[in-house]
Amino acid sequence: MFVEFFLPPIASKTVASRLENVLKTNTVDASVHTTPSLLMFFGRFDTMDITAKQAVLGDVKFSSLSLKGRGVDMPVTGIEDGKLEVKSADELVITGIVTEADLADTLMRKVDKLQDARVTMTPERISADGTAKIMGMKADVHLEGVLLEDSGCLYFRMTRLDIKNALLGRALTGNLFGDIMLADFRKMKLPVELDSVEQQNGQVTLTAKRK
């Protein structure tokens, strides 16, 4: 009785602390339960409810990220080593919100030469304005596109690219235009597939579910 009462909060705090390192954030709340409770220290969780703020999963920055599961096998030692791995789960749903500032941060890390990006999101399209430097010269860049899922990967698909400096336009177009892969869920050790990408005003909501 003593163990069943005290172990769940200890395990929840342990999981939250270790996930902070994996998700590159200081804000993780975790609630995990298992009967008998001792199984949690072997990575078995009957239920799991985890939320994180300003987290990074893959290469994507999320304003908020949640993981809800049932019958989850997630080795705690793997989390301690800086790795997030879920071996199996009866149910598992990961939901993330990417804001305009989050996507600007991600695009600047993923797109060579793109700097000072400012992103605007609507249900119809995403636009970004920034600068790009090549051959020691700066050019103002405007691009538009959408976020989409394709074969387990999250892409920013560019539909328009305008470069104000005509002398650099051709060189920059070759480097920038096309699909930009933001995250490859196939390489993550999580038994989920990217299920939906919903663009909204000011943010995009991503949902991945158990295979």
Protein backbone atom coordinates (compact mmCIF):
# COMPACT_ATOMS: atom_id res chain seq x y z
CA MET A 1 0.00 0.00 0.00
CA PHE A 2 2.84 2.39 0.86
CA VAL A 3 4.58 1.67 -2.46
CA GLU A 4 1.39 2.06 -4.51
CA PHE A 5 0.75 5.46 -2.96
CA PHE A 6 4.22 7.01 -3.24
CA LEU A 7 5.70 5.53 -6.42
CA PRO A 8 3.42 7.19 -9.05
CA PRO A 9 4.41 10.80 -8.20
CA ILE A 10 8.08 9.80 -7.96
CA ALA A 11 7.92 8.06 -11.35
CA SER A 12 6.07 11.02 -12.90
CA LYS A 13 8.72 13.43 -11.67
CA THR A 14 11.51 11.16 -12.94
CA VAL A 15 9.99 10.87 -16.44
CA ALA A 16 9.41 14.64 -16.62
CA SER A 17 12.96 15.43 -15.55
CA ARG A 18 14.52 13.11 -18.10
CA LEU A 19 12.27 14.26 -20.94
CA GLU A 20 13.37 17.85 -20.41
CA ASN A 21 16.79 16.93 -21.77
CA VAL A 22 15.40 14.97 -24.74
CA LEU A 23 12.90 17.67 -25.76
CA LYS A 24 15.33 20.54 -25.06
CA THR A 25 13.00 22.32 -22.68
CA ASN A 26 12.72 23.21 -19.01
CA THR A 27 8.96 22.70 -18.83
CA VAL A 28 7.62 19.14 -18.83
CA ASP A 29 4.68 17.87 -16.78
CA ALA A 30 4.16 14.10 -16.63
CA SER A 31 1.50 11.93 -15.08
CA VAL A 32 2.06 8.17 -15.30
CA HIS A 33 0.29 5.24 -13.65
CA THR A 34 0.75 1.48 -13.56
CA THR A 35 -0.49 -1.38 -11.42
CA PRO A 36 1.59 -2.60 -9.74
CA SER A 37 3.49 0.68 -9.56
CA LEU A 38 6.89 -0.99 -9.43
CA LEU A 39 6.56 -1.81 -13.15
CA MET A 40 6.99 1.88 -14.02
CA PHE A 41 10.68 1.67 -13.22
CA PHE A 42 10.93 -1.05 -15.88
CA GLY A 43 9.30 1.24 -18.44
CA ARG A 44 5.75 -0.12 -18.33
CA PHE A 45 2.93 2.43 -18.06
CA ASP A 46 -0.78 1.66 -18.02
CA THR A 47 -1.52 5.33 -18.72
CA MET A 48 0.70 8.25 -19.65
CA ASP A 49 -0.11 11.95 -20.00
CA ILE A 50 2.84 14.22 -20.80
CA THR A 51 2.85 17.89 -21.79
CA ALA A 52 5.83 20.07 -22.68
CA LYS A 53 6.26 23.75 -23.55
CA GLN A 54 8.78 25.19 -26.01
CA ALA A 55 9.95 21.70 -26.93
CA VAL A 56 11.88 20.33 -29.91
CA LEU A 57 10.96 17.00 -31.49
CA GLY A 58 12.96 16.01 -34.52
CA ASP A 59 14.02 19.35 -35.97
CA VAL A 60 10.72 21.11 -35.28
CA LYS A 61 10.18 23.56 -32.45
CA PHE A 62 6.77 23.29 -30.77
CA SER A 63 5.08 25.89 -28.61
CA SER A 64 3.35 22.98 -26.89
CA LEU A 65 3.65 19.23 -27.24
CA SER A 66 1.56 16.49 -25.65
CA LEU A 67 1.91 12.72 -25.53
CA LYS A 68 -0.98 10.61 -24.32
CA GLY A 69 -0.80 6.84 -24.21
CA ARG A 70 -2.20 3.63 -22.82
CA GLY A 71 -0.30 0.38 -22.40
CA VAL A 72 3.02 2.08 -23.16
CA ASP A 73 6.41 0.38 -23.09
CA MET A 74 8.95 3.22 -22.85
CA PRO A 75 12.36 2.34 -21.39
CA VAL A 76 13.21 4.84 -18.68
CA THR A 77 16.93 4.16 -19.14
CA GLY A 78 16.65 5.32 -22.75
CA ILE A 79 15.25 8.66 -21.63
CA GLU A 80 18.13 8.98 -19.20
CA ASP A 81 20.58 8.56 -22.09
CA GLY A 82 18.93 11.41 -24.00
CA LYS A 83 16.86 9.18 -26.26
CA LEU A 84 13.08 9.01 -26.54
CA GLU A 85 11.96 5.53 -27.57
CA VAL A 86 8.56 3.91 -27.28
CA LYS A 87 8.81 0.20 -28.02
CA SER A 88 5.08 -0.42 -28.12
CA ALA A 89 1.75 1.06 -27.09
CA ASP A 90 -1.89 0.06 -27.14
CA GLU A 91 -2.76 3.71 -27.79
CA LEU A 92 -0.47 6.65 -28.42
CA VAL A 93 -1.30 10.17 -29.64
CA ILE A 94 1.21 13.00 -30.01
CA THR A 95 -0.17 16.49 -30.58
CA GLY A 96 1.99 19.52 -31.25
CA ILE A 97 1.32 23.20 -31.89
CA VAL A 98 3.73 25.13 -34.09
CA THR A 99 3.34 28.91 -33.89
CA GLU A 100 4.55 31.51 -36.37
CA ALA A 101 7.64 32.15 -34.26
CA ASP A 102 8.29 28.40 -33.95
CA LEU A 103 8.20 27.88 -37.72
CA ALA A 104 10.42 30.92 -38.31
CA ASP A 105 12.98 29.40 -35.96
CA THR A 106 12.74 26.00 -37.68
CA LEU A 107 13.01 27.43 -41.21
CA MET A 108 16.12 29.41 -40.35
CA ARG A 109 17.76 26.25 -39.02
CA LYS A 110 16.70 24.15 -42.02
CA VAL A 111 17.13 26.55 -44.95
CA ASP A 112 20.67 27.52 -45.83
CA LYS A 113 21.26 31.29 -45.89
CA LEU A 114 17.76 32.26 -44.67
CA GLN A 115 17.97 34.86 -41.89
CA ASP A 116 15.66 37.16 -39.91
CA ALA A 117 12.57 35.17 -40.92
CA ARG A 118 9.11 36.41 -39.96
CA VAL A 119 6.21 34.00 -40.56
CA THR A 120 2.48 34.57 -40.99
CA MET A 121 0.03 31.65 -40.89
CA THR A 122 -3.55 31.38 -42.16
CA PRO A 123 -5.68 28.31 -42.96
CA GLU A 124 -4.93 28.83 -46.66
CA ARG A 125 -1.18 29.49 -46.69
CA ILE A 126 1.97 30.27 -44.81
CA SER A 127 4.19 33.19 -45.79
CA ALA A 128 7.65 34.10 -44.60
CA ASP A 129 9.75 37.21 -45.13
CA GLY A 130 13.44 37.36 -44.44
CA THR A 131 16.85 37.92 -45.93
CA ALA A 132 19.40 35.67 -47.57
CA LYS A 133 23.10 36.36 -47.99
CA ILE A 134 25.17 35.10 -50.87
CA MET A 135 28.47 36.30 -52.29
CA GLY A 136 28.60 38.89 -49.53
CA MET A 137 25.33 40.52 -50.62
CA LYS A 138 21.92 40.51 -48.94
CA ALA A 139 18.60 40.06 -50.67
CA ASP A 140 15.07 40.40 -49.33
CA VAL A 141 13.19 37.11 -49.67
CA HIS A 142 9.43 36.44 -49.62
CA LEU A 143 8.19 32.87 -49.78
CA GLU A 144 4.80 31.22 -49.47
CA GLY A 145 3.75 27.62 -49.01
CA VAL A 146 1.94 25.06 -46.88
CA LEU A 147 2.88 22.43 -44.31
CA LEU A 148 2.02 18.90 -45.39
CA GLU A 149 2.64 15.25 -44.62
CA ASP A 150 4.12 12.92 -47.21
CA SER A 151 5.27 9.35 -46.54
CA GLY A 152 5.75 9.94 -42.82
CA CYS A 153 7.65 13.22 -43.23
CA LEU A 154 6.63 16.80 -42.48
CA TYR A 155 7.44 19.23 -45.29
CA PHE A 156 7.14 22.92 -45.98
CA ARG A 157 6.09 22.92 -49.64
CA MET A 158 6.97 26.23 -51.24
CA THR A 159 4.45 27.58 -53.75
CA ARG A 160 5.93 31.02 -54.33
CA LEU A 161 9.33 32.63 -54.01
CA ASP A 162 10.11 36.31 -54.62
CA ILE A 163 13.62 37.76 -54.40
CA LYS A 164 13.92 41.53 -54.68
CA ASN A 165 17.59 41.61 -55.66
CA ALA A 166 17.44 40.47 -59.28
CA LEU A 167 21.21 39.94 -59.52
CA LEU A 168 21.04 37.27 -56.83
CA GLY A 169 17.63 35.88 -57.70
CA ARG A 170 18.78 33.01 -59.86
CA ALA A 171 21.46 31.79 -57.44
CA LEU A 172 19.17 31.96 -54.44
CA THR A 173 16.22 30.34 -56.20
CA GLY A 174 18.27 27.23 -56.82
CA ASN A 175 19.16 26.98 -53.13
CA LEU A 176 15.76 27.78 -51.66
CA PHE A 177 12.95 26.59 -53.88
CA GLY A 178 11.36 23.17 -53.36
CA ASP A 179 10.12 20.97 -50.53
CA ILE A 180 11.87 21.58 -47.22
CA MET A 181 11.83 18.55 -44.93
CA LEU A 182 11.21 19.64 -41.35
CA ALA A 183 10.82 16.26 -39.62
CA ASP A 184 11.09 12.60 -40.54
CA PHE A 185 8.81 10.60 -38.26
CA ARG A 186 10.06 7.36 -39.84
CA LYS A 187 13.42 7.84 -38.12
CA MET A 188 11.94 8.53 -34.69
CA LYS A 189 11.68 5.56 -32.37
CA LEU A 190 8.00 6.17 -31.82
CA PRO A 191 5.24 3.79 -33.00
CA VAL A 192 3.21 6.62 -34.56
CA GLU A 193 2.50 8.02 -37.99
CA LEU A 194 1.85 11.66 -38.79
CA ASP A 195 -1.94 11.74 -39.08
CA SER A 196 -2.97 15.33 -39.71
CA VAL A 197 -1.57 18.81 -40.33
CA GLU A 198 -4.12 21.56 -39.65
CA GLN A 199 -3.22 25.13 -40.58
CA GLN A 200 -4.95 27.84 -38.55
CA ASN A 201 -4.56 31.56 -37.98
CA GLY A 202 -1.25 32.00 -36.20
CA GLN A 203 -0.45 28.31 -35.71
CA VAL A 204 -0.42 24.80 -37.13
CA THR A 205 -1.61 21.74 -35.17
CA LEU A 206 0.11 18.43 -35.90
CA THR A 207 -1.24 15.06 -34.77
CA ALA A 208 0.59 11.74 -34.90
CA LYS A 209 -1.05 8.49 -33.87
CA ARG A 210 -0.11 4.91 -33.16
CA LYS A 211 0.53 2.79 -36.25
